[in-house]
Amino acid sequence: MNPQESNLKQTSTSSKTWRGWQENLTLIAIALCLALLIRTFIAEPRLIPSESMYPTLQTGDRLVVEKVSYRFQPPKIGDIVVFQSPPELQRRGYDKNQAFIKRVIGRPGEIISVSDGKVYINGQPLQEDYIAEPPNQPFPPVKIPADEFFVMGDNRNDSNDSRYWGFLPSKNLIGRATFRFWPLDRIGLI
């Protein structure tokens, strides 16, 4: 092989190597962009940091929070929602981007109260087979303002929720908890 042929072969090999790197970098960039778009607009993983949603969710559970459905319909009673700190919690020193997770108990226009260990919506007791124990503190009737929700943790007597900091503005909603992916022995829909 003469020197010219050798140089052409090296140039061809390095050109193929560079094209291979370019293709890989392009694929990585596309994957990162897709991951960012999915996390921002469609779904994201979340970790449960406390016992406030026990027994439904336990400390250390990892969930998928979907972000699409509430763009088309409001949360329903019983939905487990993830949200950013409402104004009162921000006044108490929580970061505005700190996320919380609770169950929707009341919607705009409804009257919520707690007495005799039961939650009432518009005077009717809410059937709750998901709570750790009945709430042990009464809460006077309040009407939920437009565009806001009343949320509570399933661990009623160990939950920092709407009874203590007020209503959750709909603009603070991040999404709905839909699927537990960790730990593996409790994997499934929520």
Protein backbone atom coordinates (compact mmCIF):
# COMPACT_ATOMS: atom_id res chain seq x y z
CA MET A 1 0.00 0.00 0.00
CA ASN A 2 1.45 3.34 -0.95
CA PRO A 3 1.42 6.37 1.41
CA GLN A 4 -1.45 8.01 -0.44
CA GLU A 5 -3.67 4.96 -0.03
CA SER A 6 -2.70 4.74 3.64
CA ASN A 7 -3.66 8.41 4.22
CA LEU A 8 -6.99 7.93 2.42
CA LYS A 9 -7.74 4.88 4.55
CA GLN A 10 -6.93 6.80 7.77
CA THR A 11 -9.00 9.78 6.62
CA SER A 12 -11.91 7.47 5.77
CA THR A 13 -11.66 5.72 9.15
CA SER A 14 -11.47 8.97 11.15
CA SER A 15 -14.36 10.40 9.09
CA LYS A 16 -16.50 7.34 9.93
CA THR A 17 -15.51 7.61 13.59
CA TRP A 18 -16.44 11.32 13.66
CA ARG A 19 -19.79 10.63 11.95
CA GLY A 20 -20.45 7.91 14.53
CA TRP A 21 -19.75 10.35 17.36
CA GLN A 22 -21.97 12.99 15.73
CA GLU A 23 -24.83 10.51 15.44
CA ASN A 24 -24.44 9.43 19.07
CA LEU A 25 -24.31 13.02 20.32
CA THR A 26 -27.39 13.88 18.25
CA LEU A 27 -29.29 10.92 19.72
CA ILE A 28 -28.26 11.91 23.26
CA ALA A 29 -29.37 15.52 22.67
CA ILE A 30 -32.74 14.36 21.30
CA ALA A 31 -33.22 11.98 24.25
CA LEU A 32 -32.42 14.75 26.75
CA CYS A 33 -34.83 17.15 25.05
CA LEU A 34 -37.59 14.54 25.04
CA ALA A 35 -36.96 13.73 28.71
CA LEU A 36 -37.13 17.43 29.61
CA LEU A 37 -40.35 17.93 27.64
CA ILE A 38 -41.97 14.86 29.20
CA ARG A 39 -40.98 15.90 32.73
CA THR A 40 -42.11 19.49 32.21
CA PHE A 41 -45.47 18.88 30.51
CA ILE A 42 -46.56 15.24 30.80
CA ALA A 43 -45.29 13.32 33.84
CA GLU A 44 -42.56 13.31 36.46
CA PRO A 45 -41.36 11.06 39.28
CA ARG A 46 -41.85 12.08 42.92
CA LEU A 47 -40.68 10.72 46.27
CA ILE A 48 -42.98 10.56 49.31
CA PRO A 49 -41.05 12.25 52.16
CA SER A 50 -43.47 11.84 55.08
CA GLU A 51 -46.23 9.76 56.67
CA SER A 52 -49.01 12.30 55.94
CA MET A 53 -50.60 10.05 53.29
CA TYR A 54 -50.27 6.80 55.26
CA PRO A 55 -51.66 4.13 54.78
CA THR A 56 -52.19 4.85 51.05
CA LEU A 57 -48.61 6.03 50.54
CA GLN A 58 -45.61 5.35 52.72
CA THR A 59 -42.38 7.24 53.30
CA GLY A 60 -39.98 6.36 50.49
CA ASP A 61 -42.64 5.41 47.93
CA ARG A 62 -41.85 6.69 44.45
CA LEU A 63 -44.68 7.80 42.21
CA VAL A 64 -45.43 9.00 38.72
CA VAL A 65 -47.32 12.29 38.70
CA GLU A 66 -49.17 12.97 35.46
CA LYS A 67 -49.61 16.61 34.49
CA VAL A 68 -52.04 16.49 31.57
CA SER A 69 -55.54 15.67 32.85
CA TYR A 70 -56.04 18.80 34.96
CA ARG A 71 -55.60 20.95 31.87
CA PHE A 72 -58.90 19.51 30.61
CA GLN A 73 -60.87 18.79 33.80
CA PRO A 74 -60.62 19.82 37.45
CA PRO A 75 -59.58 17.39 40.20
CA LYS A 76 -62.25 15.06 41.57
CA ILE A 77 -62.96 14.25 45.20
CA GLY A 78 -60.51 11.50 46.17
CA ASP A 79 -57.77 12.41 43.67
CA ILE A 80 -54.29 12.42 45.18
CA VAL A 81 -52.63 15.62 44.00
CA VAL A 82 -49.13 17.04 44.09
CA PHE A 83 -48.88 20.80 44.42
CA GLN A 84 -46.52 23.69 45.13
CA SER A 85 -46.66 25.49 48.48
CA PRO A 86 -49.83 27.57 48.78
CA PRO A 87 -49.48 31.22 49.89
CA GLU A 88 -49.96 30.56 53.62
CA LEU A 89 -47.20 27.93 53.69
CA GLN A 90 -44.92 30.34 51.84
CA ARG A 91 -45.65 32.95 54.53
CA ARG A 92 -44.62 30.32 57.10
CA GLY A 93 -41.23 29.88 55.45
CA TYR A 94 -41.75 27.05 52.95
CA ASP A 95 -40.14 27.50 49.55
CA LYS A 96 -42.68 28.35 46.82
CA ASN A 97 -41.44 25.40 44.73
CA GLN A 98 -41.62 22.84 47.53
CA ALA A 99 -44.03 20.08 46.57
CA PHE A 100 -46.70 18.54 48.79
CA ILE A 101 -49.04 15.62 48.28
CA LYS A 102 -52.60 15.35 49.65
CA ARG A 103 -56.03 14.02 48.74
CA VAL A 104 -58.73 16.33 47.32
CA ILE A 105 -61.59 16.42 49.82
CA GLY A 106 -63.56 19.44 48.64
CA ARG A 107 -64.05 21.39 45.44
CA PRO A 108 -65.03 25.01 44.72
CA GLY A 109 -68.41 25.99 46.16
CA GLU A 110 -68.70 23.02 48.52
CA ILE A 111 -68.98 23.35 52.30
CA ILE A 112 -66.50 21.24 54.28
CA SER A 113 -66.59 20.44 57.98
CA VAL A 114 -65.21 17.85 60.38
CA SER A 115 -67.09 16.65 63.46
CA ASP A 116 -67.43 13.44 65.46
CA GLY A 117 -64.51 11.88 63.56
CA LYS A 118 -66.09 12.37 60.11
CA VAL A 119 -65.53 14.73 57.20
CA TYR A 120 -68.69 16.26 55.77
CA ILE A 121 -69.22 17.71 52.30
CA ASN A 122 -72.35 19.87 52.09
CA GLY A 123 -73.64 18.19 55.25
CA GLN A 124 -73.16 14.63 53.94
CA PRO A 125 -70.50 12.35 55.51
CA LEU A 126 -67.64 11.41 53.20
CA GLN A 127 -67.04 7.66 52.99
CA GLU A 128 -63.31 7.21 53.59
CA ASP A 129 -61.96 3.66 53.63
CA TYR A 130 -58.44 4.93 52.90
CA ILE A 131 -57.65 6.89 56.11
CA ALA A 132 -55.34 5.75 58.92
CA GLU A 133 -57.86 6.79 61.60
CA PRO A 134 -60.78 9.21 61.95
CA PRO A 135 -59.86 12.87 62.43
CA ASN A 136 -59.72 13.72 66.14
CA GLN A 137 -60.19 17.51 65.87
CA PRO A 138 -63.37 19.26 64.80
CA PHE A 139 -63.25 21.78 61.98
CA PRO A 140 -66.06 24.33 61.53
CA PRO A 141 -68.00 24.50 58.25
CA VAL A 142 -66.26 26.56 55.55
CA LYS A 143 -67.23 27.26 51.95
CA ILE A 144 -64.48 26.62 49.43
CA PRO A 145 -63.86 29.67 47.20
CA ALA A 146 -63.93 29.56 43.42
CA ASP A 147 -60.83 28.06 41.81
CA GLU A 148 -59.58 26.54 45.09
CA PHE A 149 -59.66 23.11 46.73
CA PHE A 150 -59.66 21.63 50.22
CA VAL A 151 -57.05 18.88 50.65
CA MET A 152 -56.20 16.54 53.51
CA GLY A 153 -53.67 13.80 54.15
CA ASP A 154 -54.94 10.24 54.66
CA ASN A 155 -53.12 10.17 57.98
CA ARG A 156 -55.71 12.65 59.26
CA ASN A 157 -54.16 13.23 62.69
CA ASP A 158 -50.61 13.71 61.39
CA SER A 159 -51.06 15.86 58.30
CA ASN A 160 -50.28 19.51 57.62
CA ASP A 161 -53.23 20.21 55.31
CA SER A 162 -56.05 22.65 54.45
CA ARG A 163 -57.35 22.55 58.01
CA TYR A 164 -54.19 24.38 59.07
CA TRP A 165 -53.12 26.51 56.11
CA GLY A 166 -56.32 27.09 54.13
CA PHE A 167 -57.40 26.38 50.60
CA LEU A 168 -55.25 25.16 47.73
CA PRO A 169 -55.35 27.47 44.69
CA SER A 170 -55.77 25.51 41.46
CA LYS A 171 -52.77 27.38 39.98
CA ASN A 172 -50.53 25.57 42.52
CA LEU A 173 -51.46 22.10 41.22
CA ILE A 174 -48.61 20.18 39.62
CA GLY A 175 -50.53 17.03 38.78
CA ARG A 176 -52.19 13.81 39.92
CA ALA A 177 -50.39 10.86 41.48
CA THR A 178 -51.23 7.87 39.29
CA PHE A 179 -48.71 5.06 39.65
CA ARG A 180 -46.33 3.78 42.33
CA PHE A 181 -43.14 2.34 40.79
CA TRP A 182 -41.15 1.79 43.99
CA PRO A 183 -40.89 -0.30 46.08
CA LEU A 184 -41.39 -3.19 43.71
CA ASP A 185 -43.57 -5.18 46.13
CA ARG A 186 -46.19 -2.36 46.07
CA ILE A 187 -45.90 -1.38 42.40
CA GLY A 188 -49.20 -0.43 40.75
CA LEU A 189 -51.92 2.17 40.17
CA ILE A 190 -52.84 4.49 43.01
